[in-house]
């Protein structure tokens, strides 16, 4: 069955978002910034990392965000990414290795612990992540330590010119309003 792919520009000039007409993940997003991680967890991300110039791939519920490096030119890169997505998804090949992803999520959940971290995760998951996913990005909690929330900016959020404003004015403001223990939010 053929797949419909729509290209969307993101606020990050180094990142494009490819929206597809099928579910890729049940929820959340997976970010791949290394070839080894992609090879271990996602056949689709592994193929996309083969495209010359691709430096990162993020897979969301119904989209894939691709980040290019210095050597990539969008004209050439876009054609290869579209062809890779089309052939992989049309052939109904697996997007991710479910067992590897489940193991990674379990490890992450076990590391989360604490009630403040739980409240931070709840706000991120219910309010912030859905909003940034619309622009092809994702934000996840690394840790909460000494009043500081350390976040990973992924997909189009990583390196985006407006990510600092989003982080400080949007996310930090919302977390400080809801959780008095939060003093600052920084990107790692």
Protein backbone atom coordinates (compact mmCIF):
# COMPACT_ATOMS: atom_id res chain seq x y z
CA UNK A 1 0.00 0.00 0.00
CA UNK A 2 1.38 3.38 -1.02
CA UNK A 3 2.22 5.94 1.63
CA UNK A 4 1.34 9.63 1.53
CA UNK A 5 4.21 11.84 2.72
CA UNK A 6 3.86 15.57 3.34
CA UNK A 7 6.90 17.77 3.80
CA UNK A 8 6.73 20.49 6.46
CA UNK A 9 9.29 23.17 7.22
CA UNK A 10 10.28 23.60 10.85
CA UNK A 11 11.62 26.62 12.75
CA UNK A 12 15.07 24.99 12.54
CA UNK A 13 16.61 25.54 9.07
CA UNK A 14 18.64 22.33 9.44
CA UNK A 15 15.58 20.16 10.04
CA UNK A 16 12.61 19.04 7.94
CA UNK A 17 9.50 17.20 9.13
CA UNK A 18 7.94 14.43 7.03
CA UNK A 19 4.33 13.69 8.02
CA UNK A 20 2.99 10.30 6.93
CA UNK A 21 -0.53 8.89 6.77
CA UNK A 22 0.08 6.02 9.18
CA UNK A 23 1.04 5.43 12.79
CA UNK A 24 4.78 4.95 13.29
CA UNK A 25 4.86 4.86 17.10
CA UNK A 26 2.13 4.32 19.66
CA UNK A 27 3.24 7.42 21.55
CA UNK A 28 6.14 9.70 22.35
CA UNK A 29 9.13 10.03 20.08
CA UNK A 30 12.48 8.34 19.55
CA UNK A 31 15.58 10.34 18.71
CA UNK A 32 18.61 8.91 16.92
CA UNK A 33 21.82 10.92 16.74
CA UNK A 34 24.23 8.05 16.23
CA UNK A 35 24.45 5.33 13.63
CA UNK A 36 24.88 2.63 16.30
CA UNK A 37 21.74 3.65 18.19
CA UNK A 38 19.72 3.73 14.96
CA UNK A 39 21.03 0.32 13.89
CA UNK A 40 20.12 -1.17 17.30
CA UNK A 41 16.61 0.25 17.60
CA UNK A 42 15.15 1.32 14.26
CA UNK A 43 15.48 -0.16 10.78
CA UNK A 44 13.92 3.02 9.35
CA UNK A 45 16.26 5.40 11.20
CA UNK A 46 19.19 3.20 10.19
CA UNK A 47 18.26 3.55 6.50
CA UNK A 48 17.76 7.31 6.83
CA UNK A 49 21.19 7.68 8.48
CA UNK A 50 22.60 6.12 5.27
CA UNK A 51 21.47 9.20 3.33
CA UNK A 52 24.50 11.44 2.79
CA UNK A 53 24.21 14.52 5.01
CA UNK A 54 21.69 13.16 7.55
CA UNK A 55 23.01 13.60 11.10
CA UNK A 56 19.88 12.90 13.18
CA UNK A 57 16.49 11.25 12.84
CA UNK A 58 13.53 11.58 15.18
CA UNK A 59 10.51 9.32 14.78
CA UNK A 60 7.19 10.52 16.21
CA UNK A 61 3.71 9.07 16.19
CA UNK A 62 3.04 9.95 12.54
CA UNK A 63 6.10 11.89 11.44
CA UNK A 64 9.84 11.67 10.93
CA UNK A 65 12.10 14.65 11.52
CA UNK A 66 15.41 14.65 9.68
CA UNK A 67 18.35 16.90 10.58
CA UNK A 68 21.13 17.60 8.13
CA UNK A 69 24.74 18.45 8.80
CA UNK A 70 27.09 20.82 7.00
CA UNK A 71 27.65 18.51 4.02
CA UNK A 72 23.94 18.04 3.29
CA UNK A 73 22.03 20.06 0.70
CA UNK A 74 18.24 19.96 1.06
CA UNK A 75 17.57 19.58 -2.67
CA UNK A 76 19.46 16.28 -2.91
CA UNK A 77 18.85 15.13 0.64
CA UNK A 78 15.07 15.61 0.46
CA UNK A 79 14.75 13.40 -2.63
CA UNK A 80 16.70 10.58 -0.96
CA UNK A 81 14.79 10.89 2.33
CA UNK A 82 11.42 10.84 0.52
CA UNK A 83 12.45 7.77 -1.52
CA UNK A 84 13.71 5.97 1.60
CA UNK A 85 10.53 6.72 3.56
CA UNK A 86 8.32 5.71 0.65
CA UNK A 87 10.05 2.39 -0.05
CA UNK A 88 10.38 1.40 3.63
CA UNK A 89 6.81 2.28 4.63
CA UNK A 90 5.18 1.00 1.43
CA UNK A 91 6.88 -2.38 2.00
CA UNK A 92 5.47 -2.38 5.57
CA UNK A 93 8.93 -2.94 6.99
CA UNK A 94 9.25 -2.40 10.77
CA UNK A 95 9.87 1.18 11.85
CA UNK A 96 11.44 0.26 15.20
CA UNK A 97 12.63 -2.84 17.03
CA UNK A 98 9.90 -2.95 19.68
CA UNK A 99 11.94 -5.07 22.11
CA UNK A 100 14.92 -2.66 22.01
CA UNK A 101 12.64 0.36 22.42
CA UNK A 102 10.74 -1.25 25.33
CA UNK A 103 14.01 -2.03 27.11
CA UNK A 104 15.26 1.55 26.66
CA UNK A 105 11.96 3.01 27.94
CA UNK A 106 11.97 0.67 30.97
CA UNK A 107 15.50 1.78 31.89
CA UNK A 108 14.46 5.43 31.50
CA UNK A 109 11.33 4.95 33.66
CA UNK A 110 13.30 3.23 36.41
CA UNK A 111 15.79 6.12 36.46
CA UNK A 112 12.97 8.70 36.78
CA UNK A 113 11.83 8.08 40.33
CA UNK A 114 10.94 11.09 42.57
CA UNK A 115 7.70 12.99 42.85
CA UNK A 116 9.11 16.27 41.50
CA UNK A 117 10.46 14.45 38.44
CA UNK A 118 7.09 12.74 38.06
CA UNK A 119 5.26 16.09 38.07
CA UNK A 120 7.79 17.53 35.59
CA UNK A 121 7.29 14.52 33.29
CA UNK A 122 3.50 14.87 33.53
CA UNK A 123 3.62 18.53 32.42
CA UNK A 124 6.12 17.76 29.67
CA UNK A 125 4.06 14.83 28.37
CA UNK A 126 0.61 16.43 28.59
CA UNK A 127 1.33 20.06 27.65
CA UNK A 128 4.76 20.71 26.18
CA UNK A 129 5.73 17.70 24.07
CA UNK A 130 2.51 17.72 22.00
CA UNK A 131 3.09 21.39 21.16
CA UNK A 132 6.73 20.99 20.10
CA UNK A 133 5.88 17.81 18.15
CA UNK A 134 3.77 19.99 15.85
CA UNK A 135 7.03 21.64 14.75
CA UNK A 136 8.84 18.30 14.41
CA UNK A 137 10.61 18.40 17.75
CA UNK A 138 10.61 16.72 21.10
CA UNK A 139 11.77 17.57 24.60
CA UNK A 140 12.56 14.98 27.25
CA UNK A 141 13.67 15.16 30.85
CA UNK A 142 17.27 14.20 31.52
CA UNK A 143 17.17 14.86 35.26
CA UNK A 144 16.08 17.23 38.03
CA UNK A 145 18.90 18.25 40.36
CA UNK A 146 19.26 21.09 42.91
CA UNK A 147 16.25 22.97 41.51
CA UNK A 148 17.47 22.72 37.90
CA UNK A 149 15.56 20.83 35.22
CA UNK A 150 17.88 19.40 32.56
CA UNK A 151 16.11 18.78 29.26
CA UNK A 152 17.13 17.14 25.98
CA UNK A 153 16.04 19.12 22.91
CA UNK A 154 15.46 16.73 20.00
CA UNK A 155 14.44 16.82 16.35
CA UNK A 156 13.80 20.34 15.11
CA UNK A 157 14.25 21.70 18.66
CA UNK A 158 17.95 20.75 18.69
CA UNK A 159 19.82 23.74 17.34
CA UNK A 160 16.68 25.72 16.55
CA UNK A 161 17.25 29.49 16.69
CA UNK A 162 14.10 29.97 18.80
CA UNK A 163 14.72 27.04 21.17
CA UNK A 164 16.33 29.22 23.85
CA UNK A 165 13.27 31.47 23.95
CA UNK A 166 10.96 28.43 24.03
CA UNK A 167 13.02 26.90 26.81
CA UNK A 168 13.30 29.98 29.02
CA UNK A 169 10.04 31.84 28.40
CA UNK A 170 7.73 28.92 27.73
CA UNK A 171 8.88 25.76 29.43
CA UNK A 172 10.71 27.30 32.39
CA UNK A 173 7.81 29.65 33.08
CA UNK A 174 5.24 26.84 33.01
CA UNK A 175 7.29 24.49 35.21
CA UNK A 176 8.12 27.19 37.77
CA UNK A 177 4.45 28.16 37.93
CA UNK A 178 3.32 24.57 38.59
CA UNK A 179 6.26 23.25 40.62
CA UNK A 180 7.82 25.62 43.19
CA UNK A 181 10.92 23.43 43.52
CA UNK A 182 11.92 24.30 39.92
CA UNK A 183 14.34 27.23 39.83
CA UNK A 184 15.71 26.98 36.29
CA UNK A 185 15.47 24.95 33.08
CA UNK A 186 18.54 24.26 30.93
CA UNK A 187 19.26 22.24 27.80
CA UNK A 188 21.82 19.43 27.84
